[in-house]
Amino acid sequence: MDEKRFTFDPATAKALLRGELSLGATFWVGLIVADLTVAMLYVWFSAAVAVAGKGGLIAGLGVAGLVLAALYMAAMLPATLRAARANRTAGGYRWVAVAFALAHVVVYAVLVWRVLAP
């Protein structure tokens, strides 16, 4: 069995953000794995802020990370749209992936707004 090995390097990251990978790779790696990573880091920063108190370096890093995650998800929306247009075999599932990416942009935008606007 000949399988294509997926390696995540800078060239793959650029292709991911340009929507040049398959819809599956764009959806699973670009959205789901990234979202799980952000969720794990969010829990870690929440625990660190609870121990260290509000304000300070830890809280600032958490906010900066959330803003970067929101910008990344905003960049993944057009990439997912490009991958969905290129993949005609996925049927309606390709538009579910686009809707999921759009929902990510909305949720992260609301989170950033709630954190930055008191």
PDB file of N, CA and C in Angstrom:
ATOM      1  N   MET A   1       0.842  -1.173   0.000  1.00  0.00           N
ATOM      2  CA  MET A   1       0.000   0.000   0.000  1.00  0.00           C
ATOM      3  C   MET A   1       0.890   1.239   0.000  1.00  0.00           C
ATOM      4  N   ASP A   2       0.671   2.104  -0.959  1.00  0.00           N
ATOM      5  CA  ASP A   2       1.470   3.312  -1.097  1.00  0.00           C
ATOM      6  C   ASP A   2       0.658   4.505  -0.577  1.00  0.00           C
ATOM      7  N   GLU A   3       1.051   5.030   0.565  1.00  0.00           N
ATOM      8  CA  GLU A   3       0.341   6.167   1.153  1.00  0.00           C
ATOM      9  C   GLU A   3       1.212   7.400   1.075  1.00  0.00           C
ATOM     10  N   LYS A   4       0.555   8.530   0.859  1.00  0.00           N
ATOM     11  CA  LYS A   4       1.290   9.793   0.856  1.00  0.00           C
ATOM     12  C   LYS A   4       1.506  10.214   2.303  1.00  0.00           C
ATOM     13  N   ARG A   5       2.733  10.474   2.642  1.00  0.00           N
ATOM     14  CA  ARG A   5       3.071  10.869   4.007  1.00  0.00           C
ATOM     15  C   ARG A   5       2.859  12.377   4.149  1.00  0.00           C
ATOM     16  N   PHE A   6       2.126  12.778   5.181  1.00  0.00           N
ATOM     17  CA  PHE A   6       1.851  14.192   5.423  1.00  0.00           C
ATOM     18  C   PHE A   6       2.863  14.724   6.423  1.00  0.00           C
ATOM     19  N   THR A   7       3.665  15.672   5.988  1.00  0.00           N
ATOM     20  CA  THR A   7       4.605  16.328   6.890  1.00  0.00           C
ATOM     21  C   THR A   7       4.247  17.804   6.944  1.00  0.00           C
ATOM     22  N   PHE A   8       4.272  18.345   8.139  1.00  0.00           N
ATOM     23  CA  PHE A   8       3.925  19.752   8.309  1.00  0.00           C
ATOM     24  C   PHE A   8       5.206  20.561   8.440  1.00  0.00           C
ATOM     25  N   ASP A   9       5.551  21.251   7.372  1.00  0.00           N
ATOM     26  CA  ASP A   9       6.735  22.093   7.345  1.00  0.00           C
ATOM     27  C   ASP A   9       6.313  23.479   6.843  1.00  0.00           C
ATOM     28  N   PRO A  10       7.229  24.444   6.755  1.00  0.00           N
ATOM     29  CA  PRO A  10       6.832  25.784   6.306  1.00  0.00           C
ATOM     30  C   PRO A  10       6.156  25.804   4.930  1.00  0.00           C
ATOM     31  N   ALA A  11       6.621  24.970   4.009  1.00  0.00           N
ATOM     32  CA  ALA A  11       6.000  24.926   2.678  1.00  0.00           C
ATOM     33  C   ALA A  11       4.564  24.416   2.764  1.00  0.00           C
ATOM     34  N   THR A  12       4.331  23.418   3.609  1.00  0.00           N
ATOM     35  CA  THR A  12       2.983  22.897   3.793  1.00  0.00           C
ATOM     36  C   THR A  12       2.094  23.933   4.457  1.00  0.00           C
ATOM     37  N   ALA A  13       2.633  24.676   5.414  1.00  0.00           N
ATOM     38  CA  ALA A  13       1.851  25.718   6.086  1.00  0.00           C
ATOM     39  C   ALA A  13       1.437  26.800   5.087  1.00  0.00           C
ATOM     40  N   LYS A  14       2.340  27.191   4.201  1.00  0.00           N
ATOM     41  CA  LYS A  14       1.996  28.185   3.178  1.00  0.00           C
ATOM     42  C   LYS A  14       0.923  27.653   2.244  1.00  0.00           C
ATOM     43  N   ALA A  15       1.071  26.401   1.826  1.00  0.00           N
ATOM     44  CA  ALA A  15       0.069  25.796   0.944  1.00  0.00           C
ATOM     45  C   ALA A  15      -1.278  25.686   1.644  1.00  0.00           C
ATOM     46  N   LEU A  16      -1.264  25.393   2.941  1.00  0.00           N
ATOM     47  CA  LEU A  16      -2.502  25.308   3.715  1.00  0.00           C
ATOM     48  C   LEU A  16      -3.214  26.653   3.744  1.00  0.00           C
ATOM     49  N   LEU A  17      -2.475  27.719   4.012  1.00  0.00           N
ATOM     50  CA  LEU A  17      -3.078  29.046   4.092  1.00  0.00           C
ATOM     51  C   LEU A  17      -3.513  29.586   2.731  1.00  0.00           C
ATOM     52  N   ARG A  18      -2.951  29.040   1.662  1.00  0.00           N
ATOM     53  CA  ARG A  18      -3.371  29.434   0.318  1.00  0.00           C
ATOM     54  C   ARG A  18      -4.511  28.569  -0.206  1.00  0.00           C
ATOM     55  N   GLY A  19      -4.890  27.529   0.527  1.00  0.00           N
ATOM     56  CA  GLY A  19      -5.963  26.649   0.090  1.00  0.00           C
ATOM     57  C   GLY A  19      -5.551  25.685  -0.994  1.00  0.00           C
ATOM     58  N   GLU A  20      -4.269  25.353  -1.050  1.00  0.00           N
ATOM     59  CA  GLU A  20      -3.752  24.483  -2.106  1.00  0.00           C
ATOM     60  C   GLU A  20      -3.739  23.011  -1.720  1.00  0.00           C
ATOM     61  N   LEU A  21      -4.006  22.697  -0.458  1.00  0.00           N
ATOM     62  CA  LEU A  21      -4.058  21.295  -0.042  1.00  0.00           C
ATOM     63  C   LEU A  21      -5.463  20.755  -0.278  1.00  0.00           C
ATOM     64  N   SER A  22      -5.630  19.473  -0.055  1.00  0.00           N
ATOM     65  CA  SER A  22      -6.957  18.881  -0.229  1.00  0.00           C
ATOM     66  C   SER A  22      -7.930  19.470   0.792  1.00  0.00           C
ATOM     67  N   LEU A  23      -9.205  19.306   0.516  1.00  0.00           N
ATOM     68  CA  LEU A  23     -10.218  19.799   1.444  1.00  0.00           C
ATOM     69  C   LEU A  23     -10.108  19.102   2.792  1.00  0.00           C
ATOM     70  N   GLY A  24      -9.806  17.810   2.768  1.00  0.00           N
ATOM     71  CA  GLY A  24      -9.655  17.069   4.020  1.00  0.00           C
ATOM     72  C   GLY A  24      -8.507  17.595   4.862  1.00  0.00           C
ATOM     73  N   ALA A  25      -7.354  17.822   4.226  1.00  0.00           N
ATOM     74  CA  ALA A  25      -6.198  18.347   4.966  1.00  0.00           C
ATOM     75  C   ALA A  25      -6.481  19.755   5.455  1.00  0.00           C
ATOM     76  N   THR A  26      -7.109  20.568   4.626  1.00  0.00           N
ATOM     77  CA  THR A  26      -7.417  21.942   5.021  1.00  0.00           C
ATOM     78  C   THR A  26      -8.376  21.951   6.201  1.00  0.00           C
ATOM     79  N   PHE A  27      -9.392  21.103   6.143  1.00  0.00           N
ATOM     80  CA  PHE A  27     -10.382  21.068   7.220  1.00  0.00           C
ATOM     81  C   PHE A  27      -9.800  20.485   8.499  1.00  0.00           C
ATOM     82  N   TRP A  28      -9.229  19.294   8.403  1.00  0.00           N
ATOM     83  CA  TRP A  28      -8.775  18.612   9.613  1.00  0.00           C
ATOM     84  C   TRP A  28      -7.532  19.247  10.229  1.00  0.00           C
ATOM     85  N   VAL A  29      -6.541  19.549   9.415  1.00  0.00           N
ATOM     86  CA  VAL A  29      -5.312  20.134   9.961  1.00  0.00           C
ATOM     87  C   VAL A  29      -5.498  21.631  10.201  1.00  0.00           C
ATOM     88  N   GLY A  30      -6.057  22.321   9.206  1.00  0.00           N
ATOM     89  CA  GLY A  30      -6.169  23.765   9.297  1.00  0.00           C
ATOM     90  C   GLY A  30      -7.174  24.269  10.300  1.00  0.00           C
ATOM     91  N   LEU A  31      -8.257  23.531  10.492  1.00  0.00           N
ATOM     92  CA  LEU A  31      -9.299  23.989  11.412  1.00  0.00           C
ATOM     93  C   LEU A  31      -9.368  23.162  12.692  1.00  0.00           C
ATOM     94  N   ILE A  32      -9.554  21.869  12.569  1.00  0.00           N
ATOM     95  CA  ILE A  32      -9.828  21.037  13.744  1.00  0.00           C
ATOM     96  C   ILE A  32      -8.595  20.910  14.646  1.00  0.00           C
ATOM     97  N   VAL A  33      -7.456  20.535  14.086  1.00  0.00           N
ATOM     98  CA  VAL A  33      -6.252  20.388  14.908  1.00  0.00           C
ATOM     99  C   VAL A  33      -5.855  21.738  15.509  1.00  0.00           C
ATOM    100  N   ALA A  34      -5.956  22.796  14.705  1.00  0.00           N
ATOM    101  CA  ALA A  34      -5.639  24.136  15.222  1.00  0.00           C
ATOM    102  C   ALA A  34      -6.598  24.525  16.337  1.00  0.00           C
ATOM    103  N   ASP A  35      -7.873  24.229  16.169  1.00  0.00           N
ATOM    104  CA  ASP A  35      -8.865  24.568  17.198  1.00  0.00           C
ATOM    105  C   ASP A  35      -8.628  23.785  18.483  1.00  0.00           C
ATOM    106  N   LEU A  36      -8.286  22.517  18.371  1.00  0.00           N
ATOM    107  CA  LEU A  36      -7.985  21.719  19.562  1.00  0.00           C
ATOM    108  C   LEU A  36      -6.744  22.245  20.278  1.00  0.00           C
ATOM    109  N   THR A  37      -5.759  22.686  19.512  1.00  0.00           N
ATOM    110  CA  THR A  37      -4.545  23.263  20.103  1.00  0.00           C
ATOM    111  C   THR A  37      -4.871  24.551  20.835  1.00  0.00           C
ATOM    112  N   VAL A  38      -5.676  25.411  20.214  1.00  0.00           N
ATOM    113  CA  VAL A  38      -6.070  26.670  20.857  1.00  0.00           C
ATOM    114  C   VAL A  38      -6.877  26.395  22.117  1.00  0.00           C
ATOM    115  N   ALA A  39      -7.770  25.411  22.075  1.00  0.00           N
ATOM    116  CA  ALA A  39      -8.567  25.079  23.260  1.00  0.00           C
ATOM    117  C   ALA A  39      -7.677  24.608  24.407  1.00  0.00           C
ATOM    118  N   MET A  40      -6.688  23.784  24.092  1.00  0.00           N
ATOM    119  CA  MET A  40      -5.768  23.312  25.126  1.00  0.00           C
ATOM    120  C   MET A  40      -4.980  24.476  25.723  1.00  0.00           C
ATOM    121  N   LEU A  41      -4.480  25.372  24.871  1.00  0.00           N
ATOM    122  CA  LEU A  41      -3.736  26.530  25.355  1.00  0.00           C
ATOM    123  C   LEU A  41      -4.627  27.485  26.147  1.00  0.00           C
ATOM    124  N   TYR A  42      -5.895  27.605  25.745  1.00  0.00           N
ATOM    125  CA  TYR A  42      -6.837  28.457  26.474  1.00  0.00           C
ATOM    126  C   TYR A  42      -7.038  27.948  27.899  1.00  0.00           C
ATOM    127  N   VAL A  43      -7.175  26.643  28.045  1.00  0.00           N
ATOM    128  CA  VAL A  43      -7.325  26.061  29.386  1.00  0.00           C
ATOM    129  C   VAL A  43      -6.062  26.307  30.204  1.00  0.00           C
ATOM    130  N   TRP A  44      -4.902  26.134  29.592  1.00  0.00           N
ATOM    131  CA  TRP A  44      -3.647  26.351  30.304  1.00  0.00           C
ATOM    132  C   TRP A  44      -3.517  27.800  30.750  1.00  0.00           C
ATOM    133  N   PHE A  45      -3.795  28.751  29.842  1.00  0.00           N
ATOM    134  CA  PHE A  45      -3.699  30.157  30.210  1.00  0.00           C
ATOM    135  C   PHE A  45      -4.750  30.542  31.248  1.00  0.00           C
ATOM    136  N   SER A  46      -5.939  29.976  31.168  1.00  0.00           N
ATOM    137  CA  SER A  46      -6.971  30.257  32.175  1.00  0.00           C
ATOM    138  C   SER A  46      -6.521  29.797  33.551  1.00  0.00           C
ATOM    139  N   ALA A  47      -5.913  28.617  33.610  1.00  0.00           N
ATOM    140  CA  ALA A  47      -5.409  28.117  34.895  1.00  0.00           C
ATOM    141  C   ALA A  47      -4.267  28.990  35.402  1.00  0.00           C
ATOM    142  N   ALA A  48      -3.382  29.406  34.496  1.00  0.00           N
ATOM    143  CA  ALA A  48      -2.253  30.249  34.899  1.00  0.00           C
ATOM    144  C   ALA A  48      -2.726  31.608  35.398  1.00  0.00           C
ATOM    145  N   VAL A  49      -3.735  32.178  34.744  1.00  0.00           N
ATOM    146  CA  VAL A  49      -4.283  33.467  35.188  1.00  0.00           C
ATOM    147  C   VAL A  49      -4.993  33.298  36.528  1.00  0.00           C
ATOM    148  N   ALA A  50      -5.667  32.170  36.730  1.00  0.00           N
ATOM    149  CA  ALA A  50      -6.343  31.936  38.010  1.00  0.00           C
ATOM    150  C   ALA A  50      -5.341  31.858  39.161  1.00  0.00           C
ATOM    151  N   VAL A  51      -4.175  31.301  38.891  1.00  0.00           N
ATOM    152  CA  VAL A  51      -3.143  31.194  39.924  1.00  0.00           C
ATOM    153  C   VAL A  51      -2.414  32.530  40.099  1.00  0.00           C
ATOM    154  N   ALA A  52      -2.034  33.163  38.995  1.00  0.00           N
ATOM    155  CA  ALA A  52      -1.221  34.383  39.054  1.00  0.00           C
ATOM    156  C   ALA A  52      -2.045  35.647  39.288  1.00  0.00           C
ATOM    157  N   GLY A  53      -3.335  35.586  39.032  1.00  0.00           N
ATOM    158  CA  GLY A  53      -4.172  36.775  39.161  1.00  0.00           C
ATOM    159  C   GLY A  53      -4.306  37.490  37.826  1.00  0.00           C
ATOM    160  N   LYS A  54      -5.324  38.335  37.746  1.00  0.00           N
ATOM    161  CA  LYS A  54      -5.584  39.048  36.495  1.00  0.00           C
ATOM    162  C   LYS A  54      -4.494  40.066  36.233  1.00  0.00           C
ATOM    163  N   GLY A  55      -4.274  40.356  34.962  1.00  0.00           N
ATOM    164  CA  GLY A  55      -3.232  41.297  34.583  1.00  0.00           C
ATOM    165  C   GLY A  55      -1.897  40.603  34.504  1.00  0.00           C
ATOM    166  N   GLY A  56      -0.898  41.331  34.168  1.00  0.00           N
ATOM    167  CA  GLY A  56       0.438  40.771  34.115  1.00  0.00           C
ATOM    168  C   GLY A  56       0.745  40.104  32.796  1.00  0.00           C
ATOM    169  N   LEU A  57       1.907  39.506  32.750  1.00  0.00           N
ATOM    170  CA  LEU A  57       2.441  38.918  31.534  1.00  0.00           C
ATOM    171  C   LEU A  57       1.618  37.724  31.050  1.00  0.00           C
ATOM    172  N   ILE A  58       1.216  36.855  31.965  1.00  0.00           N
ATOM    173  CA  ILE A  58       0.467  35.653  31.566  1.00  0.00           C
ATOM    174  C   ILE A  58      -0.850  36.043  30.897  1.00  0.00           C
ATOM    175  N   ALA A  59      -1.582  36.961  31.496  1.00  0.00           N
ATOM    176  CA  ALA A  59      -2.856  37.391  30.913  1.00  0.00           C
ATOM    177  C   ALA A  59      -2.636  38.061  29.563  1.00  0.00           C
ATOM    178  N   GLY A  60      -1.581  38.874  29.457  1.00  0.00           N
ATOM    179  CA  GLY A  60      -1.272  39.530  28.182  1.00  0.00           C
ATOM    180  C   GLY A  60      -0.929  38.538  27.092  1.00  0.00           C
ATOM    181  N   LEU A  61      -0.175  37.511  27.446  1.00  0.00           N
ATOM    182  CA  LEU A  61       0.147  36.465  26.474  1.00  0.00           C
ATOM    183  C   LEU A  61      -1.109  35.709  26.042  1.00  0.00           C
ATOM    184  N   GLY A  62      -2.005  35.477  26.977  1.00  0.00           N
ATOM    185  CA  GLY A  62      -3.257  34.794  26.651  1.00  0.00           C
ATOM    186  C   GLY A  62      -4.099  35.594  25.673  1.00  0.00           C
ATOM    187  N   VAL A  63      -4.198  36.902  25.906  1.00  0.00           N
ATOM    188  CA  VAL A  63      -4.959  37.769  25.001  1.00  0.00           C
ATOM    189  C   VAL A  63      -4.290  37.830  23.628  1.00  0.00           C
ATOM    190  N   ALA A  64      -2.969  37.975  23.608  1.00  0.00           N
ATOM    191  CA  ALA A  64      -2.245  38.003  22.338  1.00  0.00           C
ATOM    192  C   ALA A  64      -2.435  36.693  21.572  1.00  0.00           C
ATOM    193  N   GLY A  65      -2.399  35.578  22.282  1.00  0.00           N
ATOM    194  CA  GLY A  65      -2.623  34.285  21.639  1.00  0.00           C
ATOM    195  C   GLY A  65      -4.018  34.152  21.069  1.00  0.00           C
ATOM    196  N   LEU A  66      -5.001  34.673  21.791  1.00  0.00           N
ATOM    197  CA  LEU A  66      -6.383  34.625  21.307  1.00  0.00           C
ATOM    198  C   LEU A  66      -6.544  35.481  20.048  1.00  0.00           C
ATOM    199  N   VAL A  67      -5.928  36.642  20.031  1.00  0.00           N
ATOM    200  CA  VAL A  67      -5.986  37.509  18.848  1.00  0.00           C
ATOM    201  C   VAL A  67      -5.300  36.825  17.662  1.00  0.00           C
ATOM    202  N   LEU A  68      -4.145  36.206  17.891  1.00  0.00           N
ATOM    203  CA  LEU A  68      -3.458  35.482  16.811  1.00  0.00           C
ATOM    204  C   LEU A  68      -4.291  34.311  16.304  1.00  0.00           C
ATOM    205  N   ALA A  69      -4.949  33.606  17.221  1.00  0.00           N
ATOM    206  CA  ALA A  69      -5.810  32.490  16.807  1.00  0.00           C
ATOM    207  C   ALA A  69      -6.980  33.000  15.966  1.00  0.00           C
ATOM    208  N   ALA A  70      -7.546  34.137  16.342  1.00  0.00           N
ATOM    209  CA  ALA A  70      -8.652  34.714  15.572  1.00  0.00           C
ATOM    210  C   ALA A  70      -8.183  35.124  14.173  1.00  0.00           C
ATOM    211  N   LEU A  71      -7.005  35.704  14.082  1.00  0.00           N
ATOM    212  CA  LEU A  71      -6.467  36.082  12.773  1.00  0.00           C
ATOM    213  C   LEU A  71      -6.180  34.851  11.920  1.00  0.00           C
ATOM    214  N   TYR A  72      -5.673  33.795  12.556  1.00  0.00           N
ATOM    215  CA  TYR A  72      -5.418  32.549  11.836  1.00  0.00           C
ATOM    216  C   TYR A  72      -6.724  31.956  11.299  1.00  0.00           C
ATOM    217  N   MET A  73      -7.758  31.934  12.140  1.00  0.00           N
ATOM    218  CA  MET A  73      -9.044  31.388  11.687  1.00  0.00           C
ATOM    219  C   MET A  73      -9.631  32.244  10.564  1.00  0.00           C
ATOM    220  N   ALA A  74      -9.424  33.555  10.635  1.00  0.00           N
ATOM    221  CA  ALA A  74      -9.889  34.424   9.551  1.00  0.00           C
ATOM    222  C   ALA A  74      -9.130  34.117   8.254  1.00  0.00           C
ATOM    223  N   ALA A  75      -7.856  33.776   8.346  1.00  0.00           N
ATOM    224  CA  ALA A  75      -7.078  33.403   7.162  1.00  0.00           C
ATOM    225  C   ALA A  75      -7.489  32.035   6.625  1.00  0.00           C
ATOM    226  N   MET A  76      -7.984  31.167   7.498  1.00  0.00           N
ATOM    227  CA  MET A  76      -8.392  29.829   7.069  1.00  0.00           C
ATOM    228  C   MET A  76      -9.730  29.827   6.328  1.00  0.00           C
ATOM    229  N   LEU A  77     -10.554  30.856   6.511  1.00  0.00           N
ATOM    230  CA  LEU A  77     -11.845  30.896   5.809  1.00  0.00           C
ATOM    231  C   LEU A  77     -11.666  30.938   4.296  1.00  0.00           C
ATOM    232  N   PRO A  78     -10.895  31.884   3.728  1.00  0.00           N
ATOM    233  CA  PRO A  78     -10.717  31.835   2.271  1.00  0.00           C
ATOM    234  C   PRO A  78      -9.941  30.601   1.799  1.00  0.00           C
ATOM    235  N   ALA A  79      -9.036  30.093   2.626  1.00  0.00           N
ATOM    236  CA  ALA A  79      -8.309  28.871   2.253  1.00  0.00           C
ATOM    237  C   ALA A  79      -9.270  27.691   2.156  1.00  0.00           C
ATOM    238  N   THR A  80     -10.193  27.594   3.102  1.00  0.00           N
ATOM    239  CA  THR A  80     -11.185  26.517   3.063  1.00  0.00           C
ATOM    240  C   THR A  80     -12.111  26.686   1.870  1.00  0.00           C
ATOM    241  N   LEU A  81     -12.476  27.912   1.567  1.00  0.00           N
ATOM    242  CA  LEU A  81     -13.331  28.172   0.407  1.00  0.00           C
ATOM    243  C   LEU A  81     -12.632  27.768  -0.889  1.00  0.00           C
ATOM    244  N   ARG A  82     -11.342  28.097  -1.024  1.00  0.00           N
ATOM    245  CA  ARG A  82     -10.585  27.692  -2.220  1.00  0.00           C
ATOM    246  C   ARG A  82     -10.494  26.170  -2.329  1.00  0.00           C
ATOM    247  N   ALA A  83     -10.215  25.510  -1.204  1.00  0.00           N
ATOM    248  CA  ALA A  83     -10.108  24.045  -1.228  1.00  0.00           C
ATOM    249  C   ALA A  83     -11.461  23.413  -1.543  1.00  0.00           C
ATOM    250  N   ALA A  84     -12.537  24.006  -1.046  1.00  0.00           N
ATOM    251  CA  ALA A  84     -13.879  23.466  -1.317  1.00  0.00           C
ATOM    252  C   ALA A  84     -14.250  23.630  -2.786  1.00  0.00           C
ATOM    253  N   ARG A  85     -13.900  24.758  -3.367  1.00  0.00           N
ATOM    254  CA  ARG A  85     -14.183  24.962  -4.799  1.00  0.00           C
ATOM    255  C   ARG A  85     -13.395  23.989  -5.665  1.00  0.00           C
ATOM    256  N   ALA A  86     -12.168  23.687  -5.262  1.00  0.00           N
ATOM    257  CA  ALA A  86     -11.323  22.787  -6.044  1.00  0.00           C
ATOM    258  C   ALA A  86     -11.743  21.329  -5.911  1.00  0.00           C
ATOM    259  N   ASN A  87     -12.409  20.972  -4.826  1.00  0.00           N
ATOM    260  CA  ASN A  87     -12.790  19.577  -4.575  1.00  0.00           C
ATOM    261  C   ASN A  87     -14.255  19.387  -4.914  1.00  0.00           C
ATOM    262  N   ARG A  88     -14.526  18.890  -6.091  1.00  0.00           N
ATOM    263  CA  ARG A  88     -15.913  18.681  -6.543  1.00  0.00           C
ATOM    264  C   ARG A  88     -16.489  17.352  -6.053  1.00  0.00           C
ATOM    265  N   THR A  89     -15.643  16.439  -5.589  1.00  0.00           N
ATOM    266  CA  THR A  89     -16.130  15.113  -5.212  1.00  0.00           C
ATOM    267  C   THR A  89     -16.730  15.064  -3.816  1.00  0.00           C
ATOM    268  N   ALA A  90     -16.526  16.085  -3.005  1.00  0.00           N
ATOM    269  CA  ALA A  90     -17.018  16.056  -1.627  1.00  0.00           C
ATOM    270  C   ALA A  90     -18.509  16.353  -1.528  1.00  0.00           C
ATOM    271  N   GLY A  91     -19.139  16.788  -2.605  1.00  0.00           N
ATOM    272  CA  GLY A  91     -20.566  17.074  -2.583  1.00  0.00           C
ATOM    273  C   GLY A  91     -20.892  18.197  -1.615  1.00  0.00           C
ATOM    274  N   GLY A  92     -21.956  17.995  -0.846  1.00  0.00           N
ATOM    275  CA  GLY A  92     -22.395  19.010   0.106  1.00  0.00           C
ATOM    276  C   GLY A  92     -21.476  19.171   1.301  1.00  0.00           C
ATOM    277  N   TYR A  93     -20.668  18.156   1.559  1.00  0.00           N
ATOM    278  CA  TYR A  93     -19.764  18.245   2.713  1.00  0.00           C
ATOM    279  C   TYR A  93     -18.757  19.380   2.577  1.00  0.00           C
ATOM    280  N   ARG A  94     -18.411  19.714   1.344  1.00  0.00           N
ATOM    281  CA  ARG A  94     -17.450  20.805   1.182  1.00  0.00           C
ATOM    282  C   ARG A  94     -18.020  22.122   1.661  1.00  0.00           C
ATOM    283  N   TRP A  95     -19.329  22.316   1.515  1.00  0.00           N
ATOM    284  CA  TRP A  95     -19.941  23.556   1.986  1.00  0.00           C
ATOM    285  C   TRP A  95     -20.161  23.522   3.494  1.00  0.00           C
ATOM    286  N   VAL A  96     -20.284  22.326   4.055  1.00  0.00           N
ATOM    287  CA  VAL A  96     -20.314  22.206   5.522  1.00  0.00           C
ATOM    288  C   VAL A  96     -18.969  22.648   6.095  1.00  0.00           C
ATOM    289  N   ALA A  97     -17.889  22.283   5.436  1.00  0.00           N
ATOM    290  CA  ALA A  97     -16.558  22.710   5.883  1.00  0.00           C
ATOM    291  C   ALA A  97     -16.421  24.228   5.821  1.00  0.00           C
ATOM    292  N   VAL A  98     -16.957  24.846   4.765  1.00  0.00           N
ATOM    293  CA  VAL A  98     -16.915  26.308   4.651  1.00  0.00           C
ATOM    294  C   VAL A  98     -17.763  26.950   5.746  1.00  0.00           C
ATOM    295  N   ALA A  99     -18.943  26.406   5.997  1.00  0.00           N
ATOM    296  CA  ALA A  99     -19.801  26.939   7.065  1.00  0.00           C
ATOM    297  C   ALA A  99     -19.120  26.793   8.424  1.00  0.00           C
ATOM    298  N   PHE A 100     -18.430  25.691   8.625  1.00  0.00           N
ATOM    299  CA  PHE A 100     -17.704  25.464   9.874  1.00  0.00           C
ATOM    300  C   PHE A 100     -16.583  26.496  10.032  1.00  0.00           C
ATOM    301  N   ALA A 101     -15.868  26.779   8.940  1.00  0.00           N
ATOM    302  CA  ALA A 101     -14.801  27.792   8.980  1.00  0.00           C
ATOM    303  C   ALA A 101     -15.383  29.168   9.267  1.00  0.00           C
ATOM    304  N   LEU A 102     -16.535  29.488   8.671  1.00  0.00           N
ATOM    305  CA  LEU A 102     -17.187  30.768   8.931  1.00  0.00           C
ATOM    306  C   LEU A 102     -17.633  30.861  10.387  1.00  0.00           C
ATOM    307  N   ALA A 103     -18.148  29.775  10.924  1.00  0.00           N
ATOM    308  CA  ALA A 103     -18.549  29.765  12.342  1.00  0.00           C
ATOM    309  C   ALA A 103     -17.334  29.994  13.240  1.00  0.00           C
ATOM    310  N   HIS A 104     -16.195  29.436  12.882  1.00  0.00           N
ATOM    311  CA  HIS A 104     -14.965  29.672  13.651  1.00  0.00           C
ATOM    312  C   HIS A 104     -14.592  31.154  13.659  1.00  0.00           C
ATOM    313  N   VAL A 105     -14.689  31.791  12.507  1.00  0.00           N
ATOM    314  CA  VAL A 105     -14.360  33.221  12.430  1.00  0.00           C
ATOM    315  C   VAL A 105     -15.283  34.024  13.334  1.00  0.00           C
ATOM    316  N   VAL A 106     -16.574  33.719  13.299  1.00  0.00           N
ATOM    317  CA  VAL A 106     -17.544  34.447  14.122  1.00  0.00           C
ATOM    318  C   VAL A 106     -17.276  34.218  15.606  1.00  0.00           C
ATOM    319  N   VAL A 107     -17.064  32.969  16.003  1.00  0.00           N
ATOM    320  CA  VAL A 107     -16.836  32.662  17.419  1.00  0.00           C
ATOM    321  C   VAL A 107     -15.558  33.328  17.926  1.00  0.00           C
ATOM    322  N   TYR A 108     -14.485  33.245  17.163  1.00  0.00           N
ATOM    323  CA  TYR A 108     -13.234  33.868  17.603  1.00  0.00           C
ATOM    324  C   TYR A 108     -13.350  35.390  17.628  1.00  0.00           C
ATOM    325  N   ALA A 109     -14.083  35.970  16.686  1.00  0.00           N
ATOM    326  CA  ALA A 109     -14.280  37.423  16.695  1.00  0.00           C
ATOM    327  C   ALA A 109     -15.046  37.855  17.941  1.00  0.00           C
ATOM    328  N   VAL A 110     -16.066  37.094  18.307  1.00  0.00           N
ATOM    329  CA  VAL A 110     -16.829  37.407  19.524  1.00  0.00           C
ATOM    330  C   VAL A 110     -15.945  37.248  20.765  1.00  0.00           C
ATOM    331  N   LEU A 111     -15.134  36.197  20.807  1.00  0.00           N
ATOM    332  CA  LEU A 111     -14.239  36.009  21.944  1.00  0.00           C
ATOM    333  C   LEU A 111     -13.256  37.165  22.096  1.00  0.00           C
ATOM    334  N   VAL A 112     -12.663  37.582  20.979  1.00  0.00           N
ATOM    335  CA  VAL A 112     -11.711  38.699  21.045  1.00  0.00           C
ATOM    336  C   VAL A 112     -12.428  39.971  21.467  1.00  0.00           C
ATOM    337  N   TRP A 113     -13.588  40.200  20.930  1.00  0.00           N
ATOM    338  CA  TRP A 113     -14.364  41.390  21.290  1.00  0.00           C
ATOM    339  C   TRP A 113     -14.709  41.396  22.775  1.00  0.00           C
ATOM    340  N   ARG A 114     -15.107  40.228  23.301  1.00  0.00           N
ATOM    341  CA  ARG A 114     -15.468  40.130  24.722  1.00  0.00           C
ATOM    342  C   ARG A 114     -14.261  40.334  25.640  1.00  0.00           C
ATOM    343  N   VAL A 115     -13.092  39.900  25.186  1.00  0.00           N
ATOM    344  CA  VAL A 115     -11.888  40.050  25.993  1.00  0.00           C
ATOM    345  C   VAL A 115     -11.358  41.484  25.946  1.00  0.00           C
ATOM    346  N   LEU A 116     -11.376  42.072  24.750  1.00  0.00           N
ATOM    347  CA  LEU A 116     -10.774  43.396  24.601  1.00  0.00           C
ATOM    348  C   LEU A 116     -11.705  44.536  24.973  1.00  0.00           C
ATOM    349  N   ALA A 117     -13.013  44.345  24.844  1.00  0.00           N
ATOM    350  CA  ALA A 117     -13.973  45.406  25.179  1.00  0.00           C
ATOM    351  C   ALA A 117     -14.610  45.072  26.531  1.00  0.00           C
ATOM    352  N   PRO A 118     -14.272  45.823  27.551  1.00  0.00           N
ATOM    353  CA  PRO A 118     -14.783  45.486  28.902  1.00  0.00           C
ATOM    354  C   PRO A 118     -16.277  45.658  29.056  1.00  0.00           C
TER     355      PRO A 118
END
